[in-house]
Amino acid sequence: MFKFVLIGGLALSAAFAARAEQIDPSRIVDAATGDWDGDGRPDLALLVAPEDGASDDQIGIYIYLRDSEHELLRLSVSAPNKIWGSTSADGIFGQEPSVKAVGKSSIAIHSQNSAIGRDRWDQTLTIAYRDKQFVVAGYTYNHYDTLDPNAVGSCDYNALTGKLQMNGKDVKAEPRITSIAQWNDEVGRSICGQ
């Protein structure tokens, strides 16, 4: 009896996992192509808005690699709720996220608030394919206060080498290899002293 319950539970959890990976095409807000894994064939990165009714504006990152035996894209990374941004067609200008290919095998994901409130910021998360996984290769964060000209800062962190520059000055830091699935903005901002 226990064996049947266990098998049924595993089948049910697999069905829920497969359901969780489905993306409604109307929720795709940006896309980029590039050869992320260096096999000479184009791959795909998507930014996907949260489902309707979700309480936050956390956007998911989904990366697809070309199948080695077929010319089909296969999901390699599913990282829901990764970056903040406005995805509404009638949303506020200056809060939209974007994704683009950079270099030979990297992906840059930009998010921002350059529209609302006095605390304005923008950040770029750079993702690279290393050792058959997608890791955070870099994090850049800039901020300023619209009412206080002295409240401004910048941070540029190369996670692969540990090179960190804060407000134009080199600061000692350690390399930190973090998969995109494990990353969150608090990690980056803590490195940048925010």
N, C-alpha and C. Protein backbone atom coordinates (compact mmCIF):
# COMPACT_ATOMS: atom_id res chain seq x y z
N MET A 1 0.82 -1.19 0.00
CA MET A 1 0.00 0.00 0.00
C MET A 1 0.87 1.26 0.00
N PHE A 2 1.91 1.25 0.87
CA PHE A 2 2.80 2.40 0.97
C PHE A 2 3.47 2.69 -0.37
N LYS A 3 3.84 1.61 -1.09
CA LYS A 3 4.50 1.76 -2.38
C LYS A 3 3.59 2.50 -3.36
N PHE A 4 2.28 2.17 -3.38
CA PHE A 4 1.34 2.83 -4.29
C PHE A 4 1.14 4.29 -3.91
N VAL A 5 1.09 4.58 -2.61
CA VAL A 5 0.95 5.97 -2.17
C VAL A 5 2.19 6.78 -2.57
N LEU A 6 3.37 6.18 -2.38
CA LEU A 6 4.62 6.85 -2.74
C LEU A 6 4.68 7.11 -4.24
N ILE A 7 4.34 6.11 -5.05
CA ILE A 7 4.36 6.28 -6.50
C ILE A 7 3.34 7.34 -6.92
N GLY A 8 2.14 7.29 -6.32
CA GLY A 8 1.13 8.30 -6.64
C GLY A 8 1.59 9.69 -6.26
N GLY A 9 2.22 9.82 -5.10
CA GLY A 9 2.74 11.12 -4.65
C GLY A 9 3.82 11.65 -5.57
N LEU A 10 4.72 10.77 -6.01
CA LEU A 10 5.78 11.18 -6.92
C LEU A 10 5.20 11.61 -8.27
N ALA A 11 4.24 10.86 -8.76
CA ALA A 11 3.61 11.22 -10.04
C ALA A 11 2.90 12.56 -9.92
N LEU A 12 2.21 12.79 -8.81
CA LEU A 12 1.51 14.05 -8.60
C LEU A 12 2.48 15.21 -8.50
N SER A 13 3.59 15.02 -7.76
CA SER A 13 4.57 16.11 -7.64
C SER A 13 5.23 16.39 -8.98
N ALA A 14 5.46 15.35 -9.80
CA ALA A 14 6.02 15.56 -11.13
C ALA A 14 5.05 16.34 -12.01
N ALA A 15 3.76 16.04 -11.87
CA ALA A 15 2.75 16.78 -12.64
C ALA A 15 2.73 18.24 -12.24
N PHE A 16 2.82 18.52 -10.92
CA PHE A 16 2.84 19.91 -10.47
C PHE A 16 4.11 20.61 -10.93
N ALA A 17 5.26 19.92 -10.91
CA ALA A 17 6.52 20.52 -11.36
C ALA A 17 6.43 20.85 -12.84
N ALA A 18 5.86 19.93 -13.64
CA ALA A 18 5.72 20.19 -15.07
C ALA A 18 4.79 21.38 -15.29
N ARG A 19 3.73 21.49 -14.52
CA ARG A 19 2.80 22.62 -14.63
C ARG A 19 3.48 23.93 -14.28
N ALA A 20 4.36 23.89 -13.28
CA ALA A 20 5.05 25.11 -12.85
C ALA A 20 5.95 25.66 -13.93
N GLU A 21 6.41 24.82 -14.85
CA GLU A 21 7.32 25.26 -15.90
C GLU A 21 6.60 25.86 -17.10
N GLN A 22 5.28 25.73 -17.16
CA GLN A 22 4.54 26.26 -18.30
C GLN A 22 4.49 27.79 -18.23
N ILE A 23 4.73 28.42 -19.35
CA ILE A 23 4.73 29.88 -19.41
C ILE A 23 3.65 30.34 -20.38
N ASP A 24 2.79 31.19 -19.90
CA ASP A 24 1.76 31.80 -20.74
C ASP A 24 2.47 32.81 -21.65
N PRO A 25 2.37 32.67 -22.98
CA PRO A 25 3.07 33.57 -23.89
C PRO A 25 2.75 35.05 -23.65
N SER A 26 1.56 35.36 -23.15
CA SER A 26 1.20 36.76 -22.93
C SER A 26 1.98 37.37 -21.76
N ARG A 27 2.66 36.56 -20.96
CA ARG A 27 3.44 37.07 -19.83
C ARG A 27 4.90 37.35 -20.18
N ILE A 28 5.33 37.00 -21.39
CA ILE A 28 6.71 37.26 -21.80
C ILE A 28 6.86 38.75 -22.06
N VAL A 29 7.81 39.40 -21.35
CA VAL A 29 7.98 40.85 -21.49
C VAL A 29 9.24 41.24 -22.26
N ASP A 30 10.23 40.33 -22.33
CA ASP A 30 11.41 40.61 -23.13
C ASP A 30 12.14 39.30 -23.39
N ALA A 31 12.95 39.29 -24.45
CA ALA A 31 13.67 38.08 -24.83
C ALA A 31 14.98 38.46 -25.50
N ALA A 32 15.94 37.56 -25.43
CA ALA A 32 17.23 37.75 -26.10
C ALA A 32 17.73 36.39 -26.57
N THR A 33 18.45 36.41 -27.68
CA THR A 33 19.07 35.18 -28.17
C THR A 33 20.57 35.34 -28.17
N GLY A 34 21.26 34.23 -28.00
CA GLY A 34 22.71 34.21 -28.02
C GLY A 34 23.16 32.77 -27.90
N ASP A 35 24.43 32.56 -28.05
CA ASP A 35 24.97 31.21 -27.92
C ASP A 35 25.54 31.05 -26.51
N TRP A 36 24.66 30.87 -25.53
CA TRP A 36 25.07 30.88 -24.12
C TRP A 36 26.05 29.75 -23.79
N ASP A 37 25.86 28.57 -24.38
CA ASP A 37 26.71 27.43 -24.02
C ASP A 37 27.86 27.19 -25.00
N GLY A 38 28.01 28.05 -25.99
CA GLY A 38 29.15 27.99 -26.91
C GLY A 38 29.14 26.81 -27.87
N ASP A 39 27.96 26.28 -28.19
CA ASP A 39 27.91 25.14 -29.11
C ASP A 39 27.66 25.57 -30.56
N GLY A 40 27.63 26.87 -30.80
CA GLY A 40 27.44 27.38 -32.15
C GLY A 40 25.99 27.48 -32.58
N ARG A 41 25.06 27.22 -31.67
CA ARG A 41 23.63 27.29 -32.00
C ARG A 41 22.94 28.28 -31.08
N PRO A 42 21.94 29.02 -31.60
CA PRO A 42 21.29 30.06 -30.79
C PRO A 42 20.43 29.49 -29.66
N ASP A 43 20.56 30.12 -28.49
CA ASP A 43 19.78 29.79 -27.31
C ASP A 43 18.87 30.97 -27.00
N LEU A 44 18.06 30.87 -25.96
CA LEU A 44 17.04 31.87 -25.69
C LEU A 44 16.97 32.19 -24.20
N ALA A 45 16.83 33.49 -23.88
CA ALA A 45 16.58 33.93 -22.50
C ALA A 45 15.30 34.76 -22.50
N LEU A 46 14.43 34.51 -21.53
CA LEU A 46 13.15 35.20 -21.43
C LEU A 46 12.99 35.86 -20.07
N LEU A 47 12.34 37.03 -20.06
CA LEU A 47 11.85 37.64 -18.83
C LEU A 47 10.34 37.45 -18.85
N VAL A 48 9.79 36.93 -17.76
CA VAL A 48 8.38 36.57 -17.72
C VAL A 48 7.72 37.22 -16.52
N ALA A 49 6.63 37.93 -16.79
CA ALA A 49 5.87 38.61 -15.74
C ALA A 49 5.22 37.59 -14.81
N PRO A 50 4.96 37.99 -13.57
CA PRO A 50 4.25 37.07 -12.67
C PRO A 50 2.84 36.80 -13.17
N GLU A 51 2.26 35.72 -12.69
CA GLU A 51 0.89 35.39 -13.08
C GLU A 51 -0.07 36.46 -12.61
N ASP A 52 -1.19 36.61 -13.31
CA ASP A 52 -2.21 37.56 -12.90
C ASP A 52 -2.63 37.27 -11.47
N GLY A 53 -2.80 38.32 -10.71
CA GLY A 53 -3.20 38.16 -9.32
C GLY A 53 -2.04 38.00 -8.37
N ALA A 54 -0.81 37.90 -8.89
CA ALA A 54 0.35 37.80 -8.00
C ALA A 54 0.50 39.13 -7.27
N SER A 55 0.93 39.06 -6.03
CA SER A 55 0.96 40.26 -5.19
C SER A 55 2.20 41.12 -5.40
N ASP A 56 3.17 40.66 -6.13
CA ASP A 56 4.38 41.47 -6.31
C ASP A 56 4.72 41.61 -7.78
N ASP A 57 5.74 42.39 -8.06
CA ASP A 57 6.17 42.63 -9.43
C ASP A 57 7.50 41.94 -9.71
N GLN A 58 7.66 40.74 -9.17
CA GLN A 58 8.89 39.99 -9.37
C GLN A 58 8.82 39.20 -10.67
N ILE A 59 9.79 39.44 -11.53
CA ILE A 59 9.82 38.88 -12.86
C ILE A 59 10.73 37.67 -12.89
N GLY A 60 10.33 36.64 -13.61
CA GLY A 60 11.11 35.42 -13.71
C GLY A 60 12.07 35.44 -14.88
N ILE A 61 13.15 34.67 -14.72
CA ILE A 61 14.16 34.50 -15.76
C ILE A 61 14.13 33.03 -16.18
N TYR A 62 13.96 32.81 -17.48
CA TYR A 62 13.93 31.45 -18.01
C TYR A 62 14.92 31.37 -19.15
N ILE A 63 15.80 30.38 -19.10
CA ILE A 63 16.85 30.25 -20.11
C ILE A 63 16.72 28.88 -20.77
N TYR A 64 16.72 28.90 -22.09
CA TYR A 64 16.59 27.68 -22.89
C TYR A 64 17.87 27.46 -23.69
N LEU A 65 18.35 26.23 -23.69
CA LEU A 65 19.50 25.83 -24.51
C LEU A 65 19.03 24.89 -25.60
N ARG A 66 19.77 24.90 -26.70
CA ARG A 66 19.47 24.01 -27.82
C ARG A 66 19.81 22.58 -27.40
N ASP A 67 18.92 21.65 -27.68
CA ASP A 67 19.14 20.23 -27.40
C ASP A 67 20.33 19.74 -28.22
N SER A 68 21.19 18.93 -27.63
CA SER A 68 22.39 18.48 -28.33
C SER A 68 22.07 17.50 -29.46
N GLU A 69 20.93 16.83 -29.42
CA GLU A 69 20.60 15.85 -30.45
C GLU A 69 19.52 16.32 -31.42
N HIS A 70 18.84 17.41 -31.07
CA HIS A 70 17.76 17.92 -31.91
C HIS A 70 17.87 19.44 -31.97
N GLU A 71 17.30 20.03 -32.97
CA GLU A 71 17.30 21.48 -33.09
C GLU A 71 16.12 22.08 -32.32
N LEU A 72 15.96 21.68 -31.09
CA LEU A 72 14.87 22.16 -30.25
C LEU A 72 15.42 22.83 -29.01
N LEU A 73 14.70 23.84 -28.54
CA LEU A 73 15.09 24.49 -27.29
C LEU A 73 14.56 23.69 -26.11
N ARG A 74 15.38 23.55 -25.07
CA ARG A 74 15.00 22.85 -23.85
C ARG A 74 15.25 23.77 -22.67
N LEU A 75 14.33 23.80 -21.73
CA LEU A 75 14.47 24.63 -20.55
C LEU A 75 15.69 24.20 -19.75
N SER A 76 16.60 25.14 -19.50
CA SER A 76 17.80 24.87 -18.71
C SER A 76 17.71 25.49 -17.32
N VAL A 77 17.12 26.70 -17.24
CA VAL A 77 17.00 27.40 -15.96
C VAL A 77 15.60 27.96 -15.83
N SER A 78 15.02 27.71 -14.68
CA SER A 78 13.74 28.31 -14.31
C SER A 78 13.96 29.05 -13.01
N ALA A 79 13.96 30.37 -13.07
CA ALA A 79 14.21 31.19 -11.88
C ALA A 79 13.09 32.23 -11.75
N PRO A 80 11.93 31.80 -11.25
CA PRO A 80 10.82 32.75 -11.08
C PRO A 80 11.13 33.75 -9.97
N ASN A 81 10.46 34.89 -10.03
CA ASN A 81 10.56 35.91 -8.97
C ASN A 81 11.99 36.37 -8.71
N LYS A 82 12.71 36.74 -9.75
CA LYS A 82 14.11 37.12 -9.60
C LYS A 82 14.37 38.61 -9.60
N ILE A 83 13.71 39.37 -10.46
CA ILE A 83 13.99 40.80 -10.53
C ILE A 83 12.70 41.59 -10.45
N TRP A 84 12.81 42.81 -9.96
CA TRP A 84 11.66 43.68 -9.81
C TRP A 84 11.46 44.48 -11.08
N GLY A 85 10.21 44.79 -11.40
CA GLY A 85 9.94 45.64 -12.54
C GLY A 85 8.46 45.73 -12.84
N SER A 86 8.11 46.71 -13.62
CA SER A 86 6.73 46.90 -14.06
C SER A 86 6.56 46.22 -15.41
N THR A 87 5.52 45.42 -15.52
CA THR A 87 5.28 44.71 -16.78
C THR A 87 3.92 45.03 -17.37
N SER A 88 3.21 45.95 -16.78
CA SER A 88 1.88 46.31 -17.26
C SER A 88 1.99 47.21 -18.48
N ALA A 89 1.12 46.98 -19.45
CA ALA A 89 1.11 47.82 -20.65
C ALA A 89 0.80 49.28 -20.32
N ASP A 90 0.05 49.51 -19.26
CA ASP A 90 -0.23 50.87 -18.84
C ASP A 90 0.57 51.24 -17.59
N GLY A 91 1.70 50.55 -17.41
CA GLY A 91 2.58 50.80 -16.26
C GLY A 91 3.34 52.10 -16.41
N ILE A 92 4.18 52.35 -15.44
CA ILE A 92 4.94 53.60 -15.39
C ILE A 92 6.25 53.45 -16.17
N PHE A 93 6.51 54.43 -17.05
CA PHE A 93 7.76 54.45 -17.78
C PHE A 93 8.91 54.59 -16.80
N GLY A 94 10.00 53.86 -17.03
CA GLY A 94 11.16 53.95 -16.16
C GLY A 94 11.24 52.83 -15.13
N GLN A 95 10.36 51.85 -15.26
CA GLN A 95 10.40 50.70 -14.35
C GLN A 95 10.39 49.37 -15.11
N GLU A 96 10.56 49.43 -16.42
CA GLU A 96 10.53 48.22 -17.23
C GLU A 96 11.87 47.48 -17.17
N PRO A 97 11.83 46.16 -17.10
CA PRO A 97 13.05 45.36 -17.15
C PRO A 97 13.44 45.07 -18.60
N SER A 98 14.68 44.65 -18.81
CA SER A 98 15.11 44.26 -20.15
C SER A 98 16.18 43.18 -20.06
N VAL A 99 16.33 42.43 -21.13
CA VAL A 99 17.35 41.39 -21.22
C VAL A 99 18.03 41.52 -22.58
N LYS A 100 19.36 41.31 -22.60
CA LYS A 100 20.08 41.33 -23.88
C LYS A 100 21.31 40.45 -23.80
N ALA A 101 21.76 40.02 -24.96
CA ALA A 101 22.99 39.24 -25.05
C ALA A 101 24.17 40.19 -25.00
N VAL A 102 25.19 39.81 -24.23
CA VAL A 102 26.42 40.61 -24.17
C VAL A 102 27.61 39.66 -24.30
N GLY A 103 28.64 40.13 -25.00
CA GLY A 103 29.81 39.28 -25.18
C GLY A 103 29.44 38.01 -25.93
N LYS A 104 30.28 36.99 -25.77
CA LYS A 104 30.04 35.74 -26.49
C LYS A 104 29.03 34.84 -25.81
N SER A 105 28.98 34.86 -24.49
CA SER A 105 28.12 33.88 -23.82
C SER A 105 27.48 34.41 -22.55
N SER A 106 27.23 35.70 -22.49
CA SER A 106 26.65 36.27 -21.29
C SER A 106 25.30 36.93 -21.58
N ILE A 107 24.53 37.06 -20.52
CA ILE A 107 23.20 37.65 -20.58
C ILE A 107 23.16 38.80 -19.58
N ALA A 108 22.72 39.98 -19.99
CA ALA A 108 22.58 41.12 -19.09
C ALA A 108 21.10 41.39 -18.86
N ILE A 109 20.72 41.44 -17.59
CA ILE A 109 19.34 41.72 -17.22
C ILE A 109 19.31 43.03 -16.46
N HIS A 110 18.60 43.99 -17.01
CA HIS A 110 18.57 45.33 -16.44
C HIS A 110 17.21 45.58 -15.79
N SER A 111 17.23 46.15 -14.59
CA SER A 111 16.00 46.58 -13.94
C SER A 111 16.24 47.95 -13.35
N GLN A 112 15.15 48.67 -13.05
CA GLN A 112 15.32 50.07 -12.68
C GLN A 112 14.10 50.66 -12.00
N ASN A 113 14.34 51.74 -11.30
CA ASN A 113 13.27 52.65 -10.89
C ASN A 113 13.82 54.05 -11.14
N SER A 114 13.53 54.57 -12.30
CA SER A 114 13.97 55.92 -12.64
C SER A 114 12.77 56.84 -12.80
N ALA A 115 11.67 56.48 -12.11
CA ALA A 115 10.44 57.23 -12.32
C ALA A 115 9.71 57.66 -11.06
N ILE A 116 9.70 56.86 -10.04
CA ILE A 116 8.83 57.11 -8.88
C ILE A 116 9.66 57.35 -7.62
N GLY A 117 9.23 58.30 -6.83
CA GLY A 117 9.88 58.56 -5.54
C GLY A 117 11.21 59.25 -5.67
N ARG A 118 11.80 59.54 -4.55
CA ARG A 118 13.08 60.23 -4.58
C ARG A 118 14.26 59.28 -4.68
N ASP A 119 14.08 58.02 -4.31
CA ASP A 119 15.15 57.03 -4.39
C ASP A 119 15.11 56.35 -5.75
N ARG A 120 16.04 56.73 -6.60
CA ARG A 120 16.11 56.18 -7.96
C ARG A 120 17.30 55.24 -8.05
N TRP A 121 17.17 54.20 -8.84
CA TRP A 121 18.24 53.22 -8.97
C TRP A 121 18.12 52.47 -10.30
N ASP A 122 19.22 51.85 -10.68
CA ASP A 122 19.21 50.89 -11.78
C ASP A 122 20.24 49.82 -11.47
N GLN A 123 19.97 48.63 -11.93
CA GLN A 123 20.92 47.55 -11.71
C GLN A 123 20.98 46.65 -12.92
N THR A 124 22.14 46.03 -13.10
CA THR A 124 22.33 45.06 -14.17
C THR A 124 22.91 43.80 -13.56
N LEU A 125 22.25 42.72 -13.83
CA LEU A 125 22.68 41.40 -13.39
C LEU A 125 23.22 40.69 -14.62
N THR A 126 24.49 40.29 -14.58
CA THR A 126 25.09 39.60 -15.71
C THR A 126 25.19 38.12 -15.38
N ILE A 127 24.68 37.31 -16.28
CA ILE A 127 24.66 35.86 -16.10
C ILE A 127 25.55 35.22 -17.16
N ALA A 128 26.32 34.21 -16.75
CA ALA A 128 27.20 33.51 -17.69
C ALA A 128 27.05 32.01 -17.51
N TYR A 129 27.34 31.28 -18.56
CA TYR A 129 27.27 29.82 -18.52
C TYR A 129 28.66 29.29 -18.20
N ARG A 130 28.80 28.70 -17.01
CA ARG A 130 30.09 28.17 -16.56
C ARG A 130 29.88 26.78 -15.95
N ASP A 131 30.70 25.85 -16.34
CA ASP A 131 30.64 24.48 -15.81
C ASP A 131 29.22 23.91 -15.88
N LYS A 132 28.59 24.09 -17.03
CA LYS A 132 27.26 23.55 -17.32
C LYS A 132 26.15 24.07 -16.41
N GLN A 133 26.34 25.31 -15.91
CA GLN A 133 25.27 25.95 -15.15
C GLN A 133 25.32 27.46 -15.38
N PHE A 134 24.21 28.12 -15.16
CA PHE A 134 24.16 29.56 -15.29
C PHE A 134 24.41 30.18 -13.93
N VAL A 135 25.45 31.03 -13.89
CA VAL A 135 25.84 31.66 -12.63
C VAL A 135 25.84 33.18 -12.79
N VAL A 136 25.77 33.86 -11.67
CA VAL A 136 25.87 35.32 -11.68
C VAL A 136 27.33 35.68 -11.87
N ALA A 137 27.63 36.33 -12.98
CA ALA A 137 29.01 36.72 -13.28
C ALA A 137 29.28 38.14 -12.82
N GLY A 138 28.24 38.97 -12.74
CA GLY A 138 28.45 40.35 -12.33
C GLY A 138 27.18 41.00 -11.85
N TYR A 139 27.38 42.05 -11.06
CA TYR A 139 26.25 42.80 -10.51
C TYR A 139 26.66 44.27 -10.47
N THR A 140 25.89 45.12 -11.12
CA THR A 140 26.14 46.56 -11.12
C THR A 140 24.92 47.27 -10.57
N TYR A 141 25.15 48.17 -9.62
CA TYR A 141 24.03 48.87 -8.97
C TYR A 141 24.41 50.34 -8.82
N ASN A 142 23.52 51.22 -9.28
CA ASN A 142 23.69 52.67 -9.16
C ASN A 142 22.44 53.25 -8.51
N HIS A 143 22.62 54.24 -7.65
CA HIS A 143 21.46 54.85 -7.01
C HIS A 143 21.72 56.33 -6.75
N TYR A 144 20.63 57.09 -6.64
CA TYR A 144 20.73 58.51 -6.29
C TYR A 144 19.41 58.95 -5.68
N ASP A 145 19.48 60.03 -4.95
CA ASP A 145 18.31 60.63 -4.31
C ASP A 145 18.01 61.92 -5.06
N THR A 146 16.79 62.08 -5.53
CA THR A 146 16.45 63.26 -6.33
C THR A 146 16.43 64.55 -5.52
N LEU A 147 16.38 64.46 -4.18
CA LEU A 147 16.34 65.65 -3.34
C LEU A 147 17.67 65.92 -2.63
N ASP A 148 18.55 64.94 -2.57
CA ASP A 148 19.84 65.10 -1.89
C ASP A 148 20.96 64.77 -2.86
N PRO A 149 21.62 65.79 -3.41
CA PRO A 149 22.66 65.54 -4.42
C PRO A 149 23.86 64.77 -3.88
N ASN A 150 24.01 64.68 -2.56
CA ASN A 150 25.13 63.94 -1.97
C ASN A 150 24.80 62.47 -1.74
N ALA A 151 23.55 62.10 -1.86
CA ALA A 151 23.13 60.71 -1.65
C ALA A 151 23.15 59.97 -2.98
N VAL A 152 24.33 59.59 -3.39
CA VAL A 152 24.53 58.92 -4.67
C VAL A 152 25.57 57.82 -4.48
N GLY A 153 25.46 56.76 -5.23
CA GLY A 153 26.44 55.69 -5.11
C GLY A 153 26.43 54.77 -6.31
N SER A 154 27.54 54.04 -6.45
CA SER A 154 27.65 53.06 -7.53
C SER A 154 28.46 51.88 -7.04
N CYS A 155 28.17 50.74 -7.62
CA CYS A 155 28.86 49.51 -7.25
C CYS A 155 28.93 48.63 -8.49
N ASP A 156 30.11 48.07 -8.74
CA ASP A 156 30.28 47.16 -9.86
C ASP A 156 31.09 45.97 -9.35
N TYR A 157 30.47 44.80 -9.34
CA TYR A 157 31.07 43.61 -8.76
C TYR A 157 31.19 42.52 -9.81
N ASN A 158 32.42 42.03 -10.01
CA ASN A 158 32.65 40.88 -10.88
C ASN A 158 32.70 39.66 -9.96
N ALA A 159 31.64 38.89 -9.95
CA ALA A 159 31.52 37.76 -9.03
C ALA A 159 32.51 36.64 -9.35
N LEU A 160 32.94 36.53 -10.59
CA LEU A 160 33.85 35.46 -10.97
C LEU A 160 35.28 35.72 -10.52
N THR A 161 35.68 37.00 -10.49
CA THR A 161 37.04 37.34 -10.09
C THR A 161 37.12 37.94 -8.69
N GLY A 162 36.00 38.45 -8.19
CA GLY A 162 36.00 39.12 -6.89
C GLY A 162 36.33 40.60 -6.99
N LYS A 163 36.53 41.13 -8.19
CA LYS A 163 36.84 42.54 -8.34
C LYS A 163 35.60 43.37 -8.01
N LEU A 164 35.76 44.31 -7.10
CA LEU A 164 34.64 45.15 -6.66
C LEU A 164 35.08 46.61 -6.70
N GLN A 165 34.25 47.43 -7.30
CA GLN A 165 34.50 48.87 -7.33
C GLN A 165 33.26 49.56 -6.77
N MET A 166 33.46 50.32 -5.68
CA MET A 166 32.36 51.06 -5.07
C MET A 166 32.67 52.54 -5.14
N ASN A 167 31.75 53.29 -5.73
CA ASN A 167 31.89 54.73 -5.88
C ASN A 167 33.23 55.10 -6.51
N GLY A 168 33.65 54.31 -7.51
CA GLY A 168 34.87 54.58 -8.25
C GLY A 168 36.14 54.11 -7.59
N LYS A 169 36.07 53.47 -6.43
CA LYS A 169 37.27 53.01 -5.72
C LYS A 169 37.27 51.49 -5.63
N ASP A 170 38.46 50.91 -5.81
CA ASP A 170 38.60 49.47 -5.68
C ASP A 170 38.47 49.07 -4.22
N VAL A 171 37.70 48.02 -3.98
CA VAL A 171 37.46 47.50 -2.64
C VAL A 171 37.75 46.01 -2.67
N LYS A 172 38.33 45.50 -1.59
CA LYS A 172 38.63 44.08 -1.54
C LYS A 172 37.34 43.28 -1.40
N ALA A 173 37.23 42.23 -2.21
CA ALA A 173 36.07 41.34 -2.16
C ALA A 173 36.51 39.95 -2.60
N GLU A 174 35.71 38.99 -2.28
CA GLU A 174 35.99 37.60 -2.65
C GLU A 174 35.12 37.20 -3.84
N PRO A 175 35.63 36.32 -4.70
CA PRO A 175 34.76 35.78 -5.74
C PRO A 175 33.63 34.99 -5.10
N ARG A 176 32.50 34.99 -5.74
CA ARG A 176 31.34 34.28 -5.20
C ARG A 176 30.58 33.66 -6.37
N ILE A 177 30.65 32.35 -6.49
CA ILE A 177 29.95 31.65 -7.56
C ILE A 177 28.55 31.28 -7.04
N THR A 178 27.55 31.91 -7.62
CA THR A 178 26.16 31.70 -7.21
C THR A 178 25.33 31.42 -8.45
N SER A 179 24.57 30.35 -8.41
CA SER A 179 23.69 30.06 -9.54
C SER A 179 22.59 31.11 -9.59
N ILE A 180 22.04 31.32 -10.76
CA ILE A 180 20.97 32.31 -10.89
C ILE A 180 19.75 31.89 -10.08
N ALA A 181 19.53 30.60 -9.93
CA ALA A 181 18.39 30.13 -9.14
C ALA A 181 18.54 30.50 -7.66
N GLN A 182 19.78 30.60 -7.16
CA GLN A 182 20.03 30.92 -5.75
C GLN A 182 20.19 32.41 -5.50
N TRP A 183 20.36 33.19 -6.53
CA TRP A 183 20.63 34.63 -6.39
C TRP A 183 19.38 35.39 -5.98
N ASN A 184 19.57 36.46 -5.21
CA ASN A 184 18.52 37.46 -5.01
C ASN A 184 19.19 38.81 -4.85
N ASP A 185 18.44 39.87 -5.03
CA ASP A 185 19.01 41.22 -5.01
C ASP A 185 19.65 41.57 -3.68
N GLU A 186 19.17 40.99 -2.58
CA GLU A 186 19.76 41.29 -1.27
C GLU A 186 21.22 40.84 -1.23
N VAL A 187 21.56 39.75 -1.91
CA VAL A 187 22.96 39.29 -1.96
C VAL A 187 23.81 40.37 -2.61
N GLY A 188 23.37 40.86 -3.76
CA GLY A 188 24.13 41.90 -4.47
C GLY A 188 24.24 43.17 -3.68
N ARG A 189 23.16 43.61 -3.09
CA ARG A 189 23.19 44.87 -2.35
C ARG A 189 24.02 44.76 -1.08
N SER A 190 24.06 43.58 -0.47
CA SER A 190 24.92 43.42 0.71
C SER A 190 26.38 43.47 0.32
N ILE A 191 26.73 42.93 -0.84
CA ILE A 191 28.11 43.03 -1.33
C ILE A 191 28.46 44.49 -1.58
N CYS A 192 27.48 45.23 -2.06
CA CYS A 192 27.70 46.65 -2.36
C CYS A 192 27.51 47.55 -1.13
N GLY A 193 27.31 46.98 0.03
CA GLY A 193 27.20 47.77 1.25
C GLY A 193 25.88 48.53 1.37
N GLN A 194 24.84 48.05 0.73
CA GLN A 194 23.53 48.73 0.77
C GLN A 194 22.63 48.10 1.79
